[in-house]
Amino acid sequence: MSTAKHDVELLLNKLPEDCTLEDIQYHLYVLEKVRRGLAEAHVHGSIPQSEVEARLSQWLTE
């Protein structure tokens, strides 16, 4: 498992040299949301794509 510092280093290496502080903040925000989502899925499980599509099809119309 990687550390937060390592993840930030990888992120900074992927961003362009002319990125803004706001760009960095946004990418850190997204990284943290993804981490939390994966942890939540690990603890509480997830549902298969087919079930998601079936549930959404009840709400959405084409």
PDB file of N, CA and C in Angstrom:
ATOM      1  N   MET A   1       0.839  -1.170   0.000  1.00  0.00           N
ATOM      2  CA  MET A   1       0.000   0.000   0.000  1.00  0.00           C
ATOM      3  C   MET A   1       0.890   1.240   0.000  1.00  0.00           C
ATOM      4  N   SER A   2       0.561   2.198  -0.845  1.00  0.00           N
ATOM      5  CA  SER A   2       1.376   3.403  -0.926  1.00  0.00           C
ATOM      6  C   SER A   2       0.948   4.416   0.131  1.00  0.00           C
ATOM      7  N   THR A   3       1.863   5.295   0.448  1.00  0.00           N
ATOM      8  CA  THR A   3       1.578   6.320   1.441  1.00  0.00           C
ATOM      9  C   THR A   3       0.995   7.553   0.758  1.00  0.00           C
ATOM     10  N   ALA A   4       0.402   8.431   1.552  1.00  0.00           N
ATOM     11  CA  ALA A   4      -0.155   9.668   1.012  1.00  0.00           C
ATOM     12  C   ALA A   4       0.948  10.504   0.364  1.00  0.00           C
ATOM     13  N   LYS A   5       2.099  10.556   0.997  1.00  0.00           N
ATOM     14  CA  LYS A   5       3.212  11.331   0.453  1.00  0.00           C
ATOM     15  C   LYS A   5       3.646  10.780  -0.901  1.00  0.00           C
ATOM     16  N   HIS A   6       3.711   9.480  -1.005  1.00  0.00           N
ATOM     17  CA  HIS A   6       4.092   8.846  -2.269  1.00  0.00           C
ATOM     18  C   HIS A   6       3.054   9.151  -3.347  1.00  0.00           C
ATOM     19  N   ASP A   7       1.785   9.068  -2.986  1.00  0.00           N
ATOM     20  CA  ASP A   7       0.720   9.369  -3.952  1.00  0.00           C
ATOM     21  C   ASP A   7       0.799  10.812  -4.441  1.00  0.00           C
ATOM     22  N   VAL A   8       1.107  11.735  -3.533  1.00  0.00           N
ATOM     23  CA  VAL A   8       1.244  13.143  -3.917  1.00  0.00           C
ATOM     24  C   VAL A   8       2.436  13.324  -4.834  1.00  0.00           C
ATOM     25  N   GLU A   9       3.533  12.656  -4.545  1.00  0.00           N
ATOM     26  CA  GLU A   9       4.706  12.745  -5.414  1.00  0.00           C
ATOM     27  C   GLU A   9       4.385  12.238  -6.808  1.00  0.00           C
ATOM     28  N   LEU A  10       3.683  11.119  -6.901  1.00  0.00           N
ATOM     29  CA  LEU A  10       3.298  10.590  -8.209  1.00  0.00           C
ATOM     30  C   LEU A  10       2.387  11.567  -8.948  1.00  0.00           C
ATOM     31  N   LEU A  11       1.437  12.139  -8.211  1.00  0.00           N
ATOM     32  CA  LEU A  11       0.525  13.098  -8.816  1.00  0.00           C
ATOM     33  C   LEU A  11       1.286  14.304  -9.354  1.00  0.00           C
ATOM     34  N   LEU A  12       2.179  14.863  -8.548  1.00  0.00           N
ATOM     35  CA  LEU A  12       2.935  16.042  -8.976  1.00  0.00           C
ATOM     36  C   LEU A  12       3.794  15.742 -10.201  1.00  0.00           C
ATOM     37  N   ASN A  13       4.316  14.538 -10.276  1.00  0.00           N
ATOM     38  CA  ASN A  13       5.128  14.169 -11.438  1.00  0.00           C
ATOM     39  C   ASN A  13       4.295  14.041 -12.707  1.00  0.00           C
ATOM     40  N   LYS A  14       3.000  13.763 -12.568  1.00  0.00           N
ATOM     41  CA  LYS A  14       2.124  13.611 -13.729  1.00  0.00           C
ATOM     42  C   LYS A  14       1.577  14.939 -14.238  1.00  0.00           C
ATOM     43  N   LEU A  15       1.503  15.936 -13.358  1.00  0.00           N
ATOM     44  CA  LEU A  15       0.938  17.224 -13.744  1.00  0.00           C
ATOM     45  C   LEU A  15       1.934  18.030 -14.562  1.00  0.00           C
ATOM     46  N   PRO A  16       1.420  18.885 -15.447  1.00  0.00           N
ATOM     47  CA  PRO A  16       2.336  19.719 -16.241  1.00  0.00           C
ATOM     48  C   PRO A  16       3.047  20.754 -15.374  1.00  0.00           C
ATOM     49  N   GLU A  17       4.183  21.217 -15.849  1.00  0.00           N
ATOM     50  CA  GLU A  17       4.991  22.174 -15.098  1.00  0.00           C
ATOM     51  C   GLU A  17       4.252  23.488 -14.841  1.00  0.00           C
ATOM     52  N   ASP A  18       3.354  23.848 -15.731  1.00  0.00           N
ATOM     53  CA  ASP A  18       2.676  25.140 -15.587  1.00  0.00           C
ATOM     54  C   ASP A  18       1.322  25.030 -14.866  1.00  0.00           C
ATOM     55  N   CYS A  19       1.088  23.937 -14.151  1.00  0.00           N
ATOM     56  CA  CYS A  19      -0.184  23.792 -13.448  1.00  0.00           C
ATOM     57  C   CYS A  19      -0.266  24.789 -12.299  1.00  0.00           C
ATOM     58  N   THR A  20      -1.482  25.131 -11.939  1.00  0.00           N
ATOM     59  CA  THR A  20      -1.704  26.097 -10.865  1.00  0.00           C
ATOM     60  C   THR A  20      -1.908  25.372  -9.541  1.00  0.00           C
ATOM     61  N   LEU A  21      -1.899  26.146  -8.461  1.00  0.00           N
ATOM     62  CA  LEU A  21      -2.208  25.564  -7.157  1.00  0.00           C
ATOM     63  C   LEU A  21      -3.626  25.004  -7.140  1.00  0.00           C
ATOM     64  N   GLU A  22      -4.527  25.676  -7.830  1.00  0.00           N
ATOM     65  CA  GLU A  22      -5.903  25.184  -7.921  1.00  0.00           C
ATOM     66  C   GLU A  22      -5.962  23.834  -8.635  1.00  0.00           C
ATOM     67  N   ASP A  23      -5.153  23.657  -9.671  1.00  0.00           N
ATOM     68  CA  ASP A  23      -5.076  22.368 -10.366  1.00  0.00           C
ATOM     69  C   ASP A  23      -4.623  21.272  -9.402  1.00  0.00           C
ATOM     70  N   ILE A  24      -3.600  21.580  -8.626  1.00  0.00           N
ATOM     71  CA  ILE A  24      -3.071  20.601  -7.667  1.00  0.00           C
ATOM     72  C   ILE A  24      -4.114  20.273  -6.615  1.00  0.00           C
ATOM     73  N   GLN A  25      -4.791  21.304  -6.100  1.00  0.00           N
ATOM     74  CA  GLN A  25      -5.834  21.083  -5.094  1.00  0.00           C
ATOM     75  C   GLN A  25      -6.952  20.216  -5.648  1.00  0.00           C
ATOM     76  N   TYR A  26      -7.368  20.491  -6.873  1.00  0.00           N
ATOM     77  CA  TYR A  26      -8.434  19.705  -7.489  1.00  0.00           C
ATOM     78  C   TYR A  26      -8.022  18.247  -7.618  1.00  0.00           C
ATOM     79  N   HIS A  27      -6.817  17.997  -8.105  1.00  0.00           N
ATOM     80  CA  HIS A  27      -6.368  16.619  -8.283  1.00  0.00           C
ATOM     81  C   HIS A  27      -6.204  15.901  -6.950  1.00  0.00           C
ATOM     82  N   LEU A  28      -5.757  16.615  -5.921  1.00  0.00           N
ATOM     83  CA  LEU A  28      -5.682  16.009  -4.590  1.00  0.00           C
ATOM     84  C   LEU A  28      -7.074  15.672  -4.067  1.00  0.00           C
ATOM     85  N   TYR A  29      -8.029  16.552  -4.316  1.00  0.00           N
ATOM     86  CA  TYR A  29      -9.419  16.317  -3.913  1.00  0.00           C
ATOM     87  C   TYR A  29      -9.953  15.047  -4.582  1.00  0.00           C
ATOM     88  N   VAL A  30      -9.739  14.937  -5.880  1.00  0.00           N
ATOM     89  CA  VAL A  30     -10.214  13.761  -6.618  1.00  0.00           C
ATOM     90  C   VAL A  30      -9.518  12.503  -6.114  1.00  0.00           C
ATOM     91  N   LEU A  31      -8.218  12.579  -5.892  1.00  0.00           N
ATOM     92  CA  LEU A  31      -7.467  11.433  -5.382  1.00  0.00           C
ATOM     93  C   LEU A  31      -8.036  10.962  -4.050  1.00  0.00           C
ATOM     94  N   GLU A  32      -8.332  11.891  -3.154  1.00  0.00           N
ATOM     95  CA  GLU A  32      -8.888  11.531  -1.847  1.00  0.00           C
ATOM     96  C   GLU A  32     -10.288  10.938  -1.973  1.00  0.00           C
ATOM     97  N   LYS A  33     -11.111  11.491  -2.854  1.00  0.00           N
ATOM     98  CA  LYS A  33     -12.457  10.945  -3.056  1.00  0.00           C
ATOM     99  C   LYS A  33     -12.392   9.517  -3.597  1.00  0.00           C
ATOM    100  N   VAL A  34     -11.475   9.267  -4.514  1.00  0.00           N
ATOM    101  CA  VAL A  34     -11.318   7.918  -5.060  1.00  0.00           C
ATOM    102  C   VAL A  34     -10.845   6.967  -3.967  1.00  0.00           C
ATOM    103  N   ARG A  35      -9.876   7.404  -3.170  1.00  0.00           N
ATOM    104  CA  ARG A  35      -9.398   6.565  -2.054  1.00  0.00           C
ATOM    105  C   ARG A  35     -10.537   6.203  -1.101  1.00  0.00           C
ATOM    106  N   ARG A  36     -11.331   7.210  -0.737  1.00  0.00           N
ATOM    107  CA  ARG A  36     -12.451   6.957   0.181  1.00  0.00           C
ATOM    108  C   ARG A  36     -13.480   6.022  -0.443  1.00  0.00           C
ATOM    109  N   GLY A  37     -13.749   6.208  -1.726  1.00  0.00           N
ATOM    110  CA  GLY A  37     -14.704   5.344  -2.413  1.00  0.00           C
ATOM    111  C   GLY A  37     -14.232   3.899  -2.463  1.00  0.00           C
ATOM    112  N   LEU A  38     -12.960   3.708  -2.729  1.00  0.00           N
ATOM    113  CA  LEU A  38     -12.411   2.349  -2.757  1.00  0.00           C
ATOM    114  C   LEU A  38     -12.446   1.710  -1.375  1.00  0.00           C
ATOM    115  N   ALA A  39     -12.136   2.499  -0.346  1.00  0.00           N
ATOM    116  CA  ALA A  39     -12.194   1.979   1.026  1.00  0.00           C
ATOM    117  C   ALA A  39     -13.628   1.607   1.390  1.00  0.00           C
ATOM    118  N   GLU A  40     -14.569   2.447   1.016  1.00  0.00           N
ATOM    119  CA  GLU A  40     -15.988   2.182   1.283  1.00  0.00           C
ATOM    120  C   GLU A  40     -16.434   0.900   0.572  1.00  0.00           C
ATOM    121  N   ALA A  41     -16.025   0.739  -0.669  1.00  0.00           N
ATOM    122  CA  ALA A  41     -16.381  -0.459  -1.426  1.00  0.00           C
ATOM    123  C   ALA A  41     -15.748  -1.702  -0.808  1.00  0.00           C
ATOM    124  N   HIS A  42     -14.541  -1.553  -0.300  1.00  0.00           N
ATOM    125  CA  HIS A  42     -13.863  -2.690   0.332  1.00  0.00           C
ATOM    126  C   HIS A  42     -14.602  -3.120   1.601  1.00  0.00           C
ATOM    127  N   VAL A  43     -15.052  -2.157   2.387  1.00  0.00           N
ATOM    128  CA  VAL A  43     -15.730  -2.453   3.651  1.00  0.00           C
ATOM    129  C   VAL A  43     -17.165  -2.923   3.424  1.00  0.00           C
ATOM    130  N   HIS A  44     -17.885  -2.199   2.584  1.00  0.00           N
ATOM    131  CA  HIS A  44     -19.321  -2.456   2.423  1.00  0.00           C
ATOM    132  C   HIS A  44     -19.674  -3.212   1.144  1.00  0.00           C
ATOM    133  N   GLY A  45     -18.689  -3.470   0.318  1.00  0.00           N
ATOM    134  CA  GLY A  45     -18.938  -4.169  -0.929  1.00  0.00           C
ATOM    135  C   GLY A  45     -19.414  -3.220  -2.013  1.00  0.00           C
ATOM    136  N   SER A  46     -19.560  -3.753  -3.182  1.00  0.00           N
ATOM    137  CA  SER A  46     -20.028  -2.966  -4.317  1.00  0.00           C
ATOM    138  C   SER A  46     -21.021  -3.811  -5.108  1.00  0.00           C
ATOM    139  N   ILE A  47     -21.647  -3.190  -6.091  1.00  0.00           N
ATOM    140  CA  ILE A  47     -22.612  -3.924  -6.902  1.00  0.00           C
ATOM    141  C   ILE A  47     -22.097  -3.996  -8.340  1.00  0.00           C
ATOM    142  N   PRO A  48     -22.460  -5.044  -9.049  1.00  0.00           N
ATOM    143  CA  PRO A  48     -21.968  -5.207 -10.420  1.00  0.00           C
ATOM    144  C   PRO A  48     -22.559  -4.152 -11.369  1.00  0.00           C
ATOM    145  N   GLN A  49     -21.838  -3.884 -12.442  1.00  0.00           N
ATOM    146  CA  GLN A  49     -22.263  -2.895 -13.431  1.00  0.00           C
ATOM    147  C   GLN A  49     -23.654  -3.190 -13.962  1.00  0.00           C
ATOM    148  N   SER A  50     -23.968  -4.447 -14.203  1.00  0.00           N
ATOM    149  CA  SER A  50     -25.281  -4.798 -14.747  1.00  0.00           C
ATOM    150  C   SER A  50     -26.403  -4.393 -13.802  1.00  0.00           C
ATOM    151  N   GLU A  51     -26.166  -4.532 -12.490  1.00  0.00           N
ATOM    152  CA  GLU A  51     -27.192  -4.126 -11.526  1.00  0.00           C
ATOM    153  C   GLU A  51     -27.331  -2.603 -11.482  1.00  0.00           C
ATOM    154  N   VAL A  52     -26.235  -1.904 -11.594  1.00  0.00           N
ATOM    155  CA  VAL A  52     -26.284  -0.438 -11.642  1.00  0.00           C
ATOM    156  C   VAL A  52     -27.110   0.005 -12.841  1.00  0.00           C
ATOM    157  N   GLU A  53     -26.839  -0.598 -13.992  1.00  0.00           N
ATOM    158  CA  GLU A  53     -27.576  -0.243 -15.203  1.00  0.00           C
ATOM    159  C   GLU A  53     -29.062  -0.549 -15.061  1.00  0.00           C
ATOM    160  N   ALA A  54     -29.387  -1.675 -14.435  1.00  0.00           N
ATOM    161  CA  ALA A  54     -30.791  -2.029 -14.237  1.00  0.00           C
ATOM    162  C   ALA A  54     -31.478  -1.019 -13.317  1.00  0.00           C
ATOM    163  N   ARG A  55     -30.811  -0.623 -12.249  1.00  0.00           N
ATOM    164  CA  ARG A  55     -31.393   0.354 -11.325  1.00  0.00           C
ATOM    165  C   ARG A  55     -31.569   1.706 -12.003  1.00  0.00           C
ATOM    166  N   LEU A  56     -30.555   2.134 -12.743  1.00  0.00           N
ATOM    167  CA  LEU A  56     -30.644   3.432 -13.409  1.00  0.00           C
ATOM    168  C   LEU A  56     -31.696   3.444 -14.498  1.00  0.00           C
ATOM    169  N   SER A  57     -31.881   2.322 -15.161  1.00  0.00           N
ATOM    170  CA  SER A  57     -32.870   2.280 -16.230  1.00  0.00           C
ATOM    171  C   SER A  57     -34.284   2.507 -15.697  1.00  0.00           C
ATOM    172  N   GLN A  58     -34.504   2.234 -14.436  1.00  0.00           N
ATOM    173  CA  GLN A  58     -35.801   2.500 -13.823  1.00  0.00           C
ATOM    174  C   GLN A  58     -36.027   4.004 -13.654  1.00  0.00           C
ATOM    175  N   TRP A  59     -34.943   4.766 -13.518  1.00  0.00           N
ATOM    176  CA  TRP A  59     -35.066   6.208 -13.291  1.00  0.00           C
ATOM    177  C   TRP A  59     -34.945   7.027 -14.573  1.00  0.00           C
ATOM    178  N   LEU A  60     -34.123   6.536 -15.476  1.00  0.00           N
ATOM    179  CA  LEU A  60     -33.818   7.307 -16.678  1.00  0.00           C
ATOM    180  C   LEU A  60     -34.663   6.848 -17.859  1.00  0.00           C
ATOM    181  N   THR A  61     -34.977   7.779 -18.696  1.00  0.00           N
ATOM    182  CA  THR A  61     -35.660   7.448 -19.952  1.00  0.00           C
ATOM    183  C   THR A  61     -34.782   7.888 -21.096  1.00  0.00           C
ATOM    184  N   GLU A  62     -34.891   7.169 -22.170  1.00  0.00           N
ATOM    185  CA  GLU A  62     -34.058   7.500 -23.326  1.00  0.00           C
ATOM    186  C   GLU A  62     -34.769   8.443 -24.242  1.00  0.00           C
TER     187      GLU A  62
END
